[in-house]
Amino acid sequence: MSTKHATAGHTAHATPASKESKSHSNKSASNKGKETDSRLEEFFHDELKDIYWAENHLVKTLPKMTKAASGQELKNAFTEHLEVTKGHVSRLDKVFELLGHKAEAKKCEAMEGITKEGESIIEDTEDGTATRDAGLIMAGQKVEHYEIATYGALARIARTLGHDDVAKILESTLAEEKQADESLTDLAESSVNEEAAEEAK
């Protein structure tokens, strides 16, 4: 009787554990399906292609902004951010690799529009003036604000989809974009805007 009772007790305890294991297995399968087959996953990959194009476009655009800038501090800021931007491209290459996708770019209409506006600022301001530098800082911050919004949203989506490793990479880039924006603000407030305000028409 005691042996039978022990066996029955063992069986009673094993059943819930078995159900829990089965439940965990189903949950994992569900998460995997969410990660690979959902519309959000498809959208996520599409937006990664968009920002990949944008970052590569900036690698070509920043040298033009550096050349157009008058103040040495602004030239240095654009030059430094060019190297940072190249690093962002490399990070996105890693993101695509982690997701098991080939790195692809899809034209980013928003970034193209923002950089074209920057070109217009160069055309509309005089070479060698602080006014041009103030305009270039504005153009640079429009770029940064777009990237801050994009990387922030992508990082949140990555975590929702269970791509925590990808989210960490995107969050690192987000932090650097915020720092670049703050640096441009400091430059504008410390000298450039005041110098531009003193320039005669």
C-alpha atoms as a PDB file:
ATOM      1  CA  MET A   1       0.000   0.000   0.000  1.00  0.00           C
ATOM      2  CA  SER A   2       2.754   2.448   0.895  1.00  0.00           C
ATOM      3  CA  THR A   3       4.545   1.808  -2.416  1.00  0.00           C
ATOM      4  CA  LYS A   4       1.336   2.308  -4.372  1.00  0.00           C
ATOM      5  CA  HIS A   5       0.630   5.518  -2.458  1.00  0.00           C
ATOM      6  CA  ALA A   6       4.135   6.831  -3.188  1.00  0.00           C
ATOM      7  CA  THR A   7       3.786   6.053  -6.892  1.00  0.00           C
ATOM      8  CA  ALA A   8       0.402   7.724  -7.070  1.00  0.00           C
ATOM      9  CA  GLY A   9       1.764  10.769  -5.289  1.00  0.00           C
ATOM     10  CA  HIS A  10       4.671  10.938  -7.713  1.00  0.00           C
ATOM     11  CA  THR A  11       2.310  10.742 -10.683  1.00  0.00           C
ATOM     12  CA  ALA A  12       0.096  13.486  -9.263  1.00  0.00           C
ATOM     13  CA  HIS A  13       3.068  15.833  -8.976  1.00  0.00           C
ATOM     14  CA  ALA A  14       4.432  14.972 -12.453  1.00  0.00           C
ATOM     15  CA  THR A  15       1.243  15.854 -14.312  1.00  0.00           C
ATOM     16  CA  PRO A  16       1.267  19.632 -13.576  1.00  0.00           C
ATOM     17  CA  ALA A  17       4.971  19.753 -14.398  1.00  0.00           C
ATOM     18  CA  SER A  18       4.264  18.054 -17.699  1.00  0.00           C
ATOM     19  CA  LYS A  19       1.497  20.554 -18.447  1.00  0.00           C
ATOM     20  CA  GLU A  20       3.780  23.450 -17.517  1.00  0.00           C
ATOM     21  CA  SER A  21       6.483  22.140 -19.838  1.00  0.00           C
ATOM     22  CA  LYS A  22       3.982  21.768 -22.655  1.00  0.00           C
ATOM     23  CA  SER A  23       2.677  25.268 -21.993  1.00  0.00           C
ATOM     24  CA  HIS A  24       6.216  26.702 -22.054  1.00  0.00           C
ATOM     25  CA  SER A  25       6.886  24.901 -25.326  1.00  0.00           C
ATOM     26  CA  ASN A  26       3.755  26.355 -26.884  1.00  0.00           C
ATOM     27  CA  LYS A  27       4.667  29.822 -25.613  1.00  0.00           C
ATOM     28  CA  SER A  28       8.117  29.589 -27.196  1.00  0.00           C
ATOM     29  CA  ALA A  29       6.623  28.497 -30.486  1.00  0.00           C
ATOM     30  CA  SER A  30       4.187  31.394 -30.320  1.00  0.00           C
ATOM     31  CA  ASN A  31       7.001  33.891 -29.714  1.00  0.00           C
ATOM     32  CA  LYS A  32       8.978  32.450 -32.586  1.00  0.00           C
ATOM     33  CA  GLY A  33       5.992  32.857 -34.862  1.00  0.00           C
ATOM     34  CA  LYS A  34       5.562  36.450 -33.713  1.00  0.00           C
ATOM     35  CA  GLU A  35       9.196  37.191 -34.452  1.00  0.00           C
ATOM     36  CA  THR A  36       9.302  35.725 -37.948  1.00  0.00           C
ATOM     37  CA  ASP A  37       5.819  35.926 -39.428  1.00  0.00           C
ATOM     38  CA  SER A  38       4.064  38.985 -38.031  1.00  0.00           C
ATOM     39  CA  ARG A  39       3.239  42.118 -39.957  1.00  0.00           C
ATOM     40  CA  LEU A  40       5.198  44.074 -37.356  1.00  0.00           C
ATOM     41  CA  GLU A  41       8.290  41.986 -38.118  1.00  0.00           C
ATOM     42  CA  GLU A  42       7.913  42.724 -41.822  1.00  0.00           C
ATOM     43  CA  PHE A  43       7.454  46.427 -41.091  1.00  0.00           C
ATOM     44  CA  PHE A  44      10.508  46.362 -38.812  1.00  0.00           C
ATOM     45  CA  HIS A  45      12.729  44.933 -41.541  1.00  0.00           C
ATOM     46  CA  ASP A  46      11.399  47.454 -44.041  1.00  0.00           C
ATOM     47  CA  GLU A  47      12.185  50.382 -41.742  1.00  0.00           C
ATOM     48  CA  LEU A  48      15.690  49.033 -41.136  1.00  0.00           C
ATOM     49  CA  LYS A  49      16.274  49.212 -44.887  1.00  0.00           C
ATOM     50  CA  ASP A  50      15.025  52.798 -44.792  1.00  0.00           C
ATOM     51  CA  ILE A  51      17.418  53.966 -42.064  1.00  0.00           C
ATOM     52  CA  TYR A  52      20.240  51.982 -43.690  1.00  0.00           C
ATOM     53  CA  TRP A  53      19.785  54.056 -46.834  1.00  0.00           C
ATOM     54  CA  ALA A  54      19.604  57.228 -44.742  1.00  0.00           C
ATOM     55  CA  GLU A  55      22.872  56.525 -42.912  1.00  0.00           C
ATOM     56  CA  ASN A  56      24.701  55.685 -46.136  1.00  0.00           C
ATOM     57  CA  HIS A  57      23.328  58.877 -47.697  1.00  0.00           C
ATOM     58  CA  LEU A  58      24.642  60.890 -44.747  1.00  0.00           C
ATOM     59  CA  VAL A  59      28.114  59.457 -45.261  1.00  0.00           C
ATOM     60  CA  LYS A  60      28.039  61.193 -48.664  1.00  0.00           C
ATOM     61  CA  THR A  61      26.330  64.371 -47.405  1.00  0.00           C
ATOM     62  CA  LEU A  62      28.366  65.241 -44.304  1.00  0.00           C
ATOM     63  CA  PRO A  63      31.598  66.072 -46.222  1.00  0.00           C
ATOM     64  CA  LYS A  64      29.618  68.666 -48.220  1.00  0.00           C
ATOM     65  CA  MET A  65      28.322  70.196 -44.988  1.00  0.00           C
ATOM     66  CA  THR A  66      31.853  70.242 -43.574  1.00  0.00           C
ATOM     67  CA  LYS A  67      33.160  72.038 -46.649  1.00  0.00           C
ATOM     68  CA  ALA A  68      30.326  74.601 -46.523  1.00  0.00           C
ATOM     69  CA  ALA A  69      30.767  75.394 -42.813  1.00  0.00           C
ATOM     70  CA  SER A  70      32.738  78.504 -41.855  1.00  0.00           C
ATOM     71  CA  GLY A  71      33.653  77.982 -38.203  1.00  0.00           C
ATOM     72  CA  GLN A  72      36.297  75.432 -37.313  1.00  0.00           C
ATOM     73  CA  GLU A  73      34.258  74.044 -34.425  1.00  0.00           C
ATOM     74  CA  LEU A  74      31.345  73.262 -36.736  1.00  0.00           C
ATOM     75  CA  LYS A  75      33.679  71.742 -39.317  1.00  0.00           C
ATOM     76  CA  ASN A  76      35.108  69.533 -36.566  1.00  0.00           C
ATOM     77  CA  ALA A  77      31.628  68.550 -35.381  1.00  0.00           C
ATOM     78  CA  PHE A  78      30.577  67.440 -38.871  1.00  0.00           C
ATOM     79  CA  THR A  79      33.886  65.626 -39.441  1.00  0.00           C
ATOM     80  CA  GLU A  80      33.576  63.750 -36.154  1.00  0.00           C
ATOM     81  CA  HIS A  81      29.971  62.835 -36.850  1.00  0.00           C
ATOM     82  CA  LEU A  82      30.959  61.463 -40.251  1.00  0.00           C
ATOM     83  CA  GLU A  83      33.108  58.858 -38.501  1.00  0.00           C
ATOM     84  CA  VAL A  84      30.305  58.141 -36.038  1.00  0.00           C
ATOM     85  CA  THR A  85      27.866  57.729 -38.931  1.00  0.00           C
ATOM     86  CA  LYS A  86      30.151  55.210 -40.622  1.00  0.00           C
ATOM     87  CA  GLY A  87      29.998  53.281 -37.364  1.00  0.00           C
ATOM     88  CA  HIS A  88      26.206  53.407 -37.472  1.00  0.00           C
ATOM     89  CA  VAL A  89      26.282  51.827 -40.938  1.00  0.00           C
ATOM     90  CA  SER A  90      28.486  49.030 -39.582  1.00  0.00           C
ATOM     91  CA  ARG A  91      26.091  48.491 -36.683  1.00  0.00           C
ATOM     92  CA  LEU A  92      23.177  48.160 -39.077  1.00  0.00           C
ATOM     93  CA  ASP A  93      25.170  45.587 -41.044  1.00  0.00           C
ATOM     94  CA  LYS A  94      25.421  43.645 -37.771  1.00  0.00           C
ATOM     95  CA  VAL A  95      21.680  44.062 -37.138  1.00  0.00           C
ATOM     96  CA  PHE A  96      20.831  42.574 -40.514  1.00  0.00           C
ATOM     97  CA  GLU A  97      23.237  39.709 -39.821  1.00  0.00           C
ATOM     98  CA  LEU A  98      21.656  38.969 -36.434  1.00  0.00           C
ATOM     99  CA  LEU A  99      18.223  38.907 -38.034  1.00  0.00           C
ATOM    100  CA  GLY A 100      19.421  36.546 -40.751  1.00  0.00           C
ATOM    101  CA  HIS A 101      18.852  39.043 -43.547  1.00  0.00           C
ATOM    102  CA  LYS A 102      21.079  40.532 -46.212  1.00  0.00           C
ATOM    103  CA  ALA A 103      21.806  44.217 -45.621  1.00  0.00           C
ATOM    104  CA  GLU A 104      19.623  46.142 -48.056  1.00  0.00           C
ATOM    105  CA  ALA A 105      18.824  49.819 -48.511  1.00  0.00           C
ATOM    106  CA  LYS A 106      15.469  51.303 -49.451  1.00  0.00           C
ATOM    107  CA  LYS A 107      15.399  54.953 -50.439  1.00  0.00           C
ATOM    108  CA  CYS A 108      14.429  57.123 -47.488  1.00  0.00           C
ATOM    109  CA  GLU A 109      12.309  59.947 -48.868  1.00  0.00           C
ATOM    110  CA  ALA A 110      12.356  61.781 -45.538  1.00  0.00           C
ATOM    111  CA  MET A 111      16.149  61.879 -45.293  1.00  0.00           C
ATOM    112  CA  GLU A 112      16.486  62.857 -48.924  1.00  0.00           C
ATOM    113  CA  GLY A 113      14.133  65.774 -48.304  1.00  0.00           C
ATOM    114  CA  ILE A 114      15.979  66.897 -45.175  1.00  0.00           C
ATOM    115  CA  THR A 115      19.376  66.842 -46.883  1.00  0.00           C
ATOM    116  CA  LYS A 116      18.030  68.685 -49.930  1.00  0.00           C
ATOM    117  CA  GLU A 117      16.812  71.389 -47.561  1.00  0.00           C
ATOM    118  CA  GLY A 118      20.350  71.569 -46.214  1.00  0.00           C
ATOM    119  CA  GLU A 119      21.630  72.114 -49.747  1.00  0.00           C
ATOM    120  CA  SER A 120      19.136  74.960 -50.150  1.00  0.00           C
ATOM    121  CA  ILE A 121      20.476  76.594 -46.982  1.00  0.00           C
ATOM    122  CA  ILE A 122      23.971  76.531 -48.462  1.00  0.00           C
ATOM    123  CA  GLU A 123      22.695  78.121 -51.676  1.00  0.00           C
ATOM    124  CA  ASP A 124      20.721  80.806 -49.808  1.00  0.00           C
ATOM    125  CA  THR A 125      23.494  81.951 -47.441  1.00  0.00           C
ATOM    126  CA  GLU A 126      26.853  83.600 -48.021  1.00  0.00           C
ATOM    127  CA  ASP A 127      30.062  81.640 -47.802  1.00  0.00           C
ATOM    128  CA  GLY A 128      32.151  82.424 -44.740  1.00  0.00           C
ATOM    129  CA  THR A 129      29.285  83.760 -42.622  1.00  0.00           C
ATOM    130  CA  ALA A 130      28.027  82.728 -39.199  1.00  0.00           C
ATOM    131  CA  THR A 131      24.530  82.900 -40.667  1.00  0.00           C
ATOM    132  CA  ARG A 132      25.360  79.977 -42.932  1.00  0.00           C
ATOM    133  CA  ASP A 133      26.726  78.080 -39.945  1.00  0.00           C
ATOM    134  CA  ALA A 134      23.510  78.738 -38.012  1.00  0.00           C
ATOM    135  CA  GLY A 135      21.570  77.349 -40.959  1.00  0.00           C
ATOM    136  CA  LEU A 136      23.825  74.306 -41.208  1.00  0.00           C
ATOM    137  CA  ILE A 137      23.362  73.606 -37.512  1.00  0.00           C
ATOM    138  CA  MET A 138      19.600  73.734 -38.057  1.00  0.00           C
ATOM    139  CA  ALA A 139      19.919  71.337 -41.003  1.00  0.00           C
ATOM    140  CA  GLY A 140      22.103  69.010 -38.957  1.00  0.00           C
ATOM    141  CA  GLN A 141      19.653  68.971 -36.078  1.00  0.00           C
ATOM    142  CA  LYS A 142      16.765  68.161 -38.398  1.00  0.00           C
ATOM    143  CA  VAL A 143      18.751  65.104 -39.448  1.00  0.00           C
ATOM    144  CA  GLU A 144      19.441  64.186 -35.829  1.00  0.00           C
ATOM    145  CA  HIS A 145      15.815  64.575 -34.768  1.00  0.00           C
ATOM    146  CA  TYR A 146      14.673  62.297 -37.588  1.00  0.00           C
ATOM    147  CA  GLU A 147      17.241  59.688 -36.589  1.00  0.00           C
ATOM    148  CA  ILE A 148      16.402  59.975 -32.888  1.00  0.00           C
ATOM    149  CA  ALA A 149      12.734  59.325 -33.650  1.00  0.00           C
ATOM    150  CA  THR A 150      13.584  56.427 -35.964  1.00  0.00           C
ATOM    151  CA  TYR A 151      16.102  54.635 -33.756  1.00  0.00           C
ATOM    152  CA  GLY A 152      13.946  55.094 -30.672  1.00  0.00           C
ATOM    153  CA  ALA A 153      10.937  53.526 -32.372  1.00  0.00           C
ATOM    154  CA  LEU A 154      12.987  50.715 -33.930  1.00  0.00           C
ATOM    155  CA  ALA A 155      14.551  49.831 -30.582  1.00  0.00           C
ATOM    156  CA  ARG A 156      11.125  49.589 -28.939  1.00  0.00           C
ATOM    157  CA  ILE A 157       9.792  47.415 -31.755  1.00  0.00           C
ATOM    158  CA  ALA A 158      12.869  45.182 -31.566  1.00  0.00           C
ATOM    159  CA  ARG A 159      12.218  44.521 -27.873  1.00  0.00           C
ATOM    160  CA  THR A 160       8.541  43.801 -28.558  1.00  0.00           C
ATOM    161  CA  LEU A 161       9.587  41.222 -31.140  1.00  0.00           C
ATOM    162  CA  GLY A 162      12.089  39.619 -28.768  1.00  0.00           C
ATOM    163  CA  HIS A 163      15.193  40.898 -30.564  1.00  0.00           C
ATOM    164  CA  ASP A 164      16.913  42.161 -27.419  1.00  0.00           C
ATOM    165  CA  ASP A 165      20.404  41.906 -28.924  1.00  0.00           C
ATOM    166  CA  VAL A 166      19.296  44.057 -31.861  1.00  0.00           C
ATOM    167  CA  ALA A 167      17.564  46.523 -29.529  1.00  0.00           C
ATOM    168  CA  LYS A 168      20.805  47.084 -27.602  1.00  0.00           C
ATOM    169  CA  ILE A 169      22.644  47.951 -30.810  1.00  0.00           C
ATOM    170  CA  LEU A 170      19.918  50.370 -31.889  1.00  0.00           C
ATOM    171  CA  GLU A 171      19.868  51.970 -28.441  1.00  0.00           C
ATOM    172  CA  SER A 172      23.626  52.569 -28.618  1.00  0.00           C
ATOM    173  CA  THR A 173      23.161  54.461 -31.869  1.00  0.00           C
ATOM    174  CA  LEU A 174      20.199  56.349 -30.410  1.00  0.00           C
ATOM    175  CA  ALA A 175      22.372  57.591 -27.544  1.00  0.00           C
ATOM    176  CA  GLU A 176      25.005  58.856 -29.980  1.00  0.00           C
ATOM    177  CA  GLU A 177      22.418  60.677 -32.092  1.00  0.00           C
ATOM    178  CA  LYS A 178      21.122  62.419 -28.969  1.00  0.00           C
ATOM    179  CA  GLN A 179      24.664  63.431 -28.045  1.00  0.00           C
ATOM    180  CA  ALA A 180      25.267  64.852 -31.526  1.00  0.00           C
ATOM    181  CA  ASP A 181      22.068  66.893 -31.278  1.00  0.00           C
ATOM    182  CA  GLU A 182      23.094  68.266 -27.882  1.00  0.00           C
ATOM    183  CA  SER A 183      26.541  69.181 -29.203  1.00  0.00           C
ATOM    184  CA  LEU A 184      25.034  71.170 -32.057  1.00  0.00           C
ATOM    185  CA  THR A 185      22.719  72.959 -29.628  1.00  0.00           C
ATOM    186  CA  ASP A 186      25.692  73.876 -27.426  1.00  0.00           C
ATOM    187  CA  LEU A 187      27.597  75.198 -30.424  1.00  0.00           C
ATOM    188  CA  ALA A 188      24.673  77.328 -31.589  1.00  0.00           C
ATOM    189  CA  GLU A 189      24.023  78.773 -28.142  1.00  0.00           C
ATOM    190  CA  SER A 190      27.643  79.370 -27.172  1.00  0.00           C
ATOM    191  CA  SER A 191      28.740  81.355 -30.206  1.00  0.00           C
ATOM    192  CA  VAL A 192      27.282  80.826 -33.670  1.00  0.00           C
ATOM    193  CA  ASN A 193      23.836  82.374 -33.216  1.00  0.00           C
ATOM    194  CA  GLU A 194      25.230  85.474 -31.481  1.00  0.00           C
ATOM    195  CA  GLU A 195      27.816  85.975 -34.200  1.00  0.00           C
ATOM    196  CA  ALA A 196      25.153  85.578 -36.882  1.00  0.00           C
ATOM    197  CA  ALA A 197      22.921  88.134 -35.163  1.00  0.00           C
ATOM    198  CA  GLU A 198      25.705  90.716 -35.435  1.00  0.00           C
ATOM    199  CA  GLU A 199      26.222  90.249 -39.173  1.00  0.00           C
ATOM    200  CA  ALA A 200      24.977  93.106 -41.322  1.00  0.00           C
ATOM    201  CA  LYS A 201      22.719  92.477 -44.294  1.00  0.00           C
END
